[in-house]
Amino acid sequence: MGKFVKGFLFGTISTLGAIAGALFAFHKVVVEPVEEQVERTEENRRRAHRKQHSAHNG
């Protein structure tokens, strides 16, 4: 019975670790680049808006 419990716990911990690693990798590969693109787009919009207003204040 002891071997079964140890094996079950080890398997459970290993599975949870694999799931956590997969989620972390997904976040790094998919989510962060999308967030960076959105931030870049927003910054470009703000720059264009400032540039447009400064051109007309002449």
PDB file of N, CA and C in Angstrom:
ATOM      1  N   MET A   1       0.821  -1.200   0.000  1.00  0.00           N
ATOM      2  CA  MET A   1       0.000   0.000   0.000  1.00  0.00           C
ATOM      3  C   MET A   1       0.858   1.254   0.000  1.00  0.00           C
ATOM      4  N   GLY A   2       1.998   1.220   0.663  1.00  0.00           N
ATOM      5  CA  GLY A   2       2.871   2.385   0.737  1.00  0.00           C
ATOM      6  C   GLY A   2       3.437   2.769  -0.617  1.00  0.00           C
ATOM      7  N   LYS A   3       3.811   1.756  -1.421  1.00  0.00           N
ATOM      8  CA  LYS A   3       4.357   2.045  -2.739  1.00  0.00           C
ATOM      9  C   LYS A   3       3.303   2.695  -3.630  1.00  0.00           C
ATOM     10  N   PHE A   4       2.089   2.220  -3.510  1.00  0.00           N
ATOM     11  CA  PHE A   4       1.006   2.789  -4.322  1.00  0.00           C
ATOM     12  C   PHE A   4       0.795   4.261  -3.984  1.00  0.00           C
ATOM     13  N   VAL A   5       0.754   4.586  -2.696  1.00  0.00           N
ATOM     14  CA  VAL A   5       0.513   5.964  -2.268  1.00  0.00           C
ATOM     15  C   VAL A   5       1.655   6.865  -2.741  1.00  0.00           C
ATOM     16  N   LYS A   6       2.899   6.389  -2.568  1.00  0.00           N
ATOM     17  CA  LYS A   6       4.051   7.178  -3.011  1.00  0.00           C
ATOM     18  C   LYS A   6       4.001   7.388  -4.528  1.00  0.00           C
ATOM     19  N   GLY A   7       3.696   6.351  -5.259  1.00  0.00           N
ATOM     20  CA  GLY A   7       3.614   6.456  -6.712  1.00  0.00           C
ATOM     21  C   GLY A   7       2.490   7.374  -7.153  1.00  0.00           C
ATOM     22  N   PHE A   8       1.366   7.274  -6.480  1.00  0.00           N
ATOM     23  CA  PHE A   8       0.230   8.127  -6.804  1.00  0.00           C
ATOM     24  C   PHE A   8       0.564   9.595  -6.544  1.00  0.00           C
ATOM     25  N   LEU A   9       1.166   9.874  -5.386  1.00  0.00           N
ATOM     26  CA  LEU A   9       1.534  11.251  -5.064  1.00  0.00           C
ATOM     27  C   LEU A   9       2.582  11.785  -6.042  1.00  0.00           C
ATOM     28  N   PHE A  10       3.567  10.964  -6.363  1.00  0.00           N
ATOM     29  CA  PHE A  10       4.595  11.385  -7.314  1.00  0.00           C
ATOM     30  C   PHE A  10       3.983  11.665  -8.689  1.00  0.00           C
ATOM     31  N   GLY A  11       3.090  10.799  -9.123  1.00  0.00           N
ATOM     32  CA  GLY A  11       2.426  10.999 -10.402  1.00  0.00           C
ATOM     33  C   GLY A  11       1.578  12.251 -10.417  1.00  0.00           C
ATOM     34  N   THR A  12       0.870  12.498  -9.332  1.00  0.00           N
ATOM     35  CA  THR A  12       0.034  13.692  -9.228  1.00  0.00           C
ATOM     36  C   THR A  12       0.882  14.956  -9.270  1.00  0.00           C
ATOM     37  N   ILE A  13       1.962  14.956  -8.493  1.00  0.00           N
ATOM     38  CA  ILE A  13       2.845  16.120  -8.470  1.00  0.00           C
ATOM     39  C   ILE A  13       3.499  16.332  -9.834  1.00  0.00           C
ATOM     40  N   SER A  14       3.915  15.260 -10.474  1.00  0.00           N
ATOM     41  CA  SER A  14       4.524  15.374 -11.803  1.00  0.00           C
ATOM     42  C   SER A  14       3.536  15.925 -12.817  1.00  0.00           C
ATOM     43  N   THR A  15       2.311  15.450 -12.769  1.00  0.00           N
ATOM     44  CA  THR A  15       1.291  15.929 -13.696  1.00  0.00           C
ATOM     45  C   THR A  15       0.997  17.406 -13.475  1.00  0.00           C
ATOM     46  N   LEU A  16       0.863  17.809 -12.228  1.00  0.00           N
ATOM     47  CA  LEU A  16       0.613  19.222 -11.925  1.00  0.00           C
ATOM     48  C   LEU A  16       1.786  20.095 -12.371  1.00  0.00           C
ATOM     49  N   GLY A  17       3.001  19.598 -12.198  1.00  0.00           N
ATOM     50  CA  GLY A  17       4.173  20.342 -12.659  1.00  0.00           C
ATOM     51  C   GLY A  17       4.189  20.485 -14.168  1.00  0.00           C
ATOM     52  N   ALA A  18       3.824  19.426 -14.876  1.00  0.00           N
ATOM     53  CA  ALA A  18       3.782  19.485 -16.344  1.00  0.00           C
ATOM     54  C   ALA A  18       2.711  20.463 -16.816  1.00  0.00           C
ATOM     55  N   ILE A  19       1.571  20.465 -16.168  1.00  0.00           N
ATOM     56  CA  ILE A  19       0.498  21.398 -16.526  1.00  0.00           C
ATOM     57  C   ILE A  19       0.937  22.835 -16.267  1.00  0.00           C
ATOM     58  N   ALA A  20       1.571  23.073 -15.115  1.00  0.00           N
ATOM     59  CA  ALA A  20       2.042  24.423 -14.794  1.00  0.00           C
ATOM     60  C   ALA A  20       3.087  24.882 -15.812  1.00  0.00           C
ATOM     61  N   GLY A  21       3.989  23.998 -16.197  1.00  0.00           N
ATOM     62  CA  GLY A  21       4.996  24.339 -17.195  1.00  0.00           C
ATOM     63  C   GLY A  21       4.377  24.654 -18.540  1.00  0.00           C
ATOM     64  N   ALA A  22       3.378  23.895 -18.929  1.00  0.00           N
ATOM     65  CA  ALA A  22       2.709  24.140 -20.207  1.00  0.00           C
ATOM     66  C   ALA A  22       1.987  25.483 -20.190  1.00  0.00           C
ATOM     67  N   LEU A  23       1.323  25.802 -19.096  1.00  0.00           N
ATOM     68  CA  LEU A  23       0.629  27.089 -18.990  1.00  0.00           C
ATOM     69  C   LEU A  23       1.618  28.254 -19.023  1.00  0.00           C
ATOM     70  N   PHE A  24       2.744  28.098 -18.341  1.00  0.00           N
ATOM     71  CA  PHE A  24       3.760  29.150 -18.341  1.00  0.00           C
ATOM     72  C   PHE A  24       4.319  29.353 -19.743  1.00  0.00           C
ATOM     73  N   ALA A  25       4.604  28.263 -20.432  1.00  0.00           N
ATOM     74  CA  ALA A  25       5.131  28.352 -21.797  1.00  0.00           C
ATOM     75  C   ALA A  25       4.110  28.999 -22.731  1.00  0.00           C
ATOM     76  N   PHE A  26       2.853  28.629 -22.604  1.00  0.00           N
ATOM     77  CA  PHE A  26       1.795  29.227 -23.418  1.00  0.00           C
ATOM     78  C   PHE A  26       1.732  30.733 -23.191  1.00  0.00           C
ATOM     79  N   HIS A  27       1.823  31.127 -21.924  1.00  0.00           N
ATOM     80  CA  HIS A  27       1.766  32.552 -21.596  1.00  0.00           C
ATOM     81  C   HIS A  27       2.941  33.292 -22.225  1.00  0.00           C
ATOM     82  N   LYS A  28       4.139  32.719 -22.143  1.00  0.00           N
ATOM     83  CA  LYS A  28       5.325  33.360 -22.703  1.00  0.00           C
ATOM     84  C   LYS A  28       5.276  33.437 -24.219  1.00  0.00           C
ATOM     85  N   VAL A  29       4.767  32.404 -24.866  1.00  0.00           N
ATOM     86  CA  VAL A  29       4.822  32.324 -26.326  1.00  0.00           C
ATOM     87  C   VAL A  29       3.643  33.039 -26.983  1.00  0.00           C
ATOM     88  N   VAL A  30       2.464  32.984 -26.382  1.00  0.00           N
ATOM     89  CA  VAL A  30       1.266  33.497 -27.038  1.00  0.00           C
ATOM     90  C   VAL A  30       0.775  34.804 -26.417  1.00  0.00           C
ATOM     91  N   VAL A  31       0.620  34.842 -25.122  1.00  0.00           N
ATOM     92  CA  VAL A  31      -0.045  35.971 -24.470  1.00  0.00           C
ATOM     93  C   VAL A  31       0.847  37.205 -24.429  1.00  0.00           C
ATOM     94  N   GLU A  32       2.103  37.070 -24.014  1.00  0.00           N
ATOM     95  CA  GLU A  32       2.971  38.238 -23.889  1.00  0.00           C
ATOM     96  C   GLU A  32       3.204  38.958 -25.217  1.00  0.00           C
ATOM     97  N   PRO A  33       3.472  38.250 -26.334  1.00  0.00           N
ATOM     98  CA  PRO A  33       3.640  38.984 -27.597  1.00  0.00           C
ATOM     99  C   PRO A  33       2.393  39.779 -28.000  1.00  0.00           C
ATOM    100  N   VAL A  34       1.223  39.239 -27.723  1.00  0.00           N
ATOM    101  CA  VAL A  34      -0.012  39.961 -28.055  1.00  0.00           C
ATOM    102  C   VAL A  34      -0.118  41.216 -27.193  1.00  0.00           C
ATOM    103  N   GLU A  35       0.190  41.096 -25.911  1.00  0.00           N
ATOM    104  CA  GLU A  35       0.136  42.258 -25.030  1.00  0.00           C
ATOM    105  C   GLU A  35       1.148  43.314 -25.447  1.00  0.00           C
ATOM    106  N   GLU A  36       2.344  42.887 -25.852  1.00  0.00           N
ATOM    107  CA  GLU A  36       3.359  43.836 -26.307  1.00  0.00           C
ATOM    108  C   GLU A  36       2.902  44.555 -27.571  1.00  0.00           C
ATOM    109  N   GLN A  37       2.268  43.843 -28.476  1.00  0.00           N
ATOM    110  CA  GLN A  37       1.771  44.463 -29.711  1.00  0.00           C
ATOM    111  C   GLN A  37       0.706  45.502 -29.399  1.00  0.00           C
ATOM    112  N   VAL A  38      -0.173  45.195 -28.468  1.00  0.00           N
ATOM    113  CA  VAL A  38      -1.217  46.150 -28.086  1.00  0.00           C
ATOM    114  C   VAL A  38      -0.581  47.396 -27.471  1.00  0.00           C
ATOM    115  N   GLU A  39       0.426  47.215 -26.619  1.00  0.00           N
ATOM    116  CA  GLU A  39       1.100  48.355 -26.010  1.00  0.00           C
ATOM    117  C   GLU A  39       1.786  49.218 -27.068  1.00  0.00           C
ATOM    118  N   ARG A  40       2.448  48.580 -28.039  1.00  0.00           N
ATOM    119  CA  ARG A  40       3.097  49.331 -29.111  1.00  0.00           C
ATOM    120  C   ARG A  40       2.081  50.112 -29.938  1.00  0.00           C
ATOM    121  N   THR A  41       0.957  49.494 -30.226  1.00  0.00           N
ATOM    122  CA  THR A  41      -0.087  50.171 -30.998  1.00  0.00           C
ATOM    123  C   THR A  41      -0.617  51.380 -30.251  1.00  0.00           C
ATOM    124  N   GLU A  42      -0.870  51.219 -28.965  1.00  0.00           N
ATOM    125  CA  GLU A  42      -1.362  52.338 -28.153  1.00  0.00           C
ATOM    126  C   GLU A  42      -0.337  53.468 -28.103  1.00  0.00           C
ATOM    127  N   GLU A  43       0.926  53.137 -27.942  1.00  0.00           N
ATOM    128  CA  GLU A  43       1.969  54.159 -27.903  1.00  0.00           C
ATOM    129  C   GLU A  43       2.045  54.897 -29.234  1.00  0.00           C
ATOM    130  N   ASN A  44       1.941  54.198 -30.341  1.00  0.00           N
ATOM    131  CA  ASN A  44       1.963  54.845 -31.650  1.00  0.00           C
ATOM    132  C   ASN A  44       0.760  55.762 -31.836  1.00  0.00           C
ATOM    133  N   ARG A  45      -0.391  55.338 -31.348  1.00  0.00           N
ATOM    134  CA  ARG A  45      -1.578  56.200 -31.444  1.00  0.00           C
ATOM    135  C   ARG A  45      -1.388  57.479 -30.645  1.00  0.00           C
ATOM    136  N   ARG A  46      -0.834  57.337 -29.431  1.00  0.00           N
ATOM    137  CA  ARG A  46      -0.599  58.527 -28.604  1.00  0.00           C
ATOM    138  C   ARG A  46       0.398  59.466 -29.271  1.00  0.00           C
ATOM    139  N   ARG A  47       1.459  58.907 -29.845  1.00  0.00           N
ATOM    140  CA  ARG A  47       2.442  59.745 -30.536  1.00  0.00           C
ATOM    141  C   ARG A  47       1.807  60.470 -31.717  1.00  0.00           C
ATOM    142  N   ALA A  48       1.024  59.754 -32.500  1.00  0.00           N
ATOM    143  CA  ALA A  48       0.381  60.364 -33.669  1.00  0.00           C
ATOM    144  C   ALA A  48      -0.576  61.467 -33.236  1.00  0.00           C
ATOM    145  N   HIS A  49      -1.286  61.231 -32.154  1.00  0.00           N
ATOM    146  CA  HIS A  49      -2.230  62.226 -31.654  1.00  0.00           C
ATOM    147  C   HIS A  49      -1.487  63.486 -31.210  1.00  0.00           C
ATOM    148  N   ARG A  50      -0.392  63.331 -30.465  1.00  0.00           N
ATOM    149  CA  ARG A  50       0.399  64.470 -30.033  1.00  0.00           C
ATOM    150  C   ARG A  50       0.990  65.214 -31.229  1.00  0.00           C
ATOM    151  N   LYS A  51       1.494  64.437 -32.178  1.00  0.00           N
ATOM    152  CA  LYS A  51       2.098  65.048 -33.368  1.00  0.00           C
ATOM    153  C   LYS A  51       1.065  65.837 -34.163  1.00  0.00           C
ATOM    154  N   GLN A  52      -0.109  65.309 -34.286  1.00  0.00           N
ATOM    155  CA  GLN A  52      -1.179  65.967 -35.021  1.00  0.00           C
ATOM    156  C   GLN A  52      -1.551  67.301 -34.346  1.00  0.00           C
ATOM    157  N   HIS A  53      -1.663  67.268 -33.019  1.00  0.00           N
ATOM    158  CA  HIS A  53      -2.034  68.488 -32.315  1.00  0.00           C
ATOM    159  C   HIS A  53      -0.903  69.519 -32.341  1.00  0.00           C
ATOM    160  N   SER A  54       0.328  69.088 -32.244  1.00  0.00           N
ATOM    161  CA  SER A  54       1.430  70.052 -32.275  1.00  0.00           C
ATOM    162  C   SER A  54       1.587  70.666 -33.651  1.00  0.00           C
ATOM    163  N   ALA A  55       1.233  69.956 -34.699  1.00  0.00           N
ATOM    164  CA  ALA A  55       1.336  70.489 -36.050  1.00  0.00           C
ATOM    165  C   ALA A  55       0.304  71.591 -36.270  1.00  0.00           C
ATOM    166  N   HIS A  56      -0.803  71.541 -35.594  1.00  0.00           N
ATOM    167  CA  HIS A  56      -1.862  72.526 -35.793  1.00  0.00           C
ATOM    168  C   HIS A  56      -1.785  73.687 -34.809  1.00  0.00           C
ATOM    169  N   ASN A  57      -0.877  73.603 -33.838  1.00  0.00           N
ATOM    170  CA  ASN A  57      -0.762  74.689 -32.869  1.00  0.00           C
ATOM    171  C   ASN A  57       0.155  75.788 -33.383  1.00  0.00           C
ATOM    172  N   GLY A  58       0.983  75.492 -34.350  1.00  0.00           N
ATOM    173  CA  GLY A  58       1.926  76.316 -35.024  1.00  0.00           C
ATOM    174  C   GLY A  58       2.167  77.646 -34.614  1.00  0.00           C
TER     175      GLY A  58
END
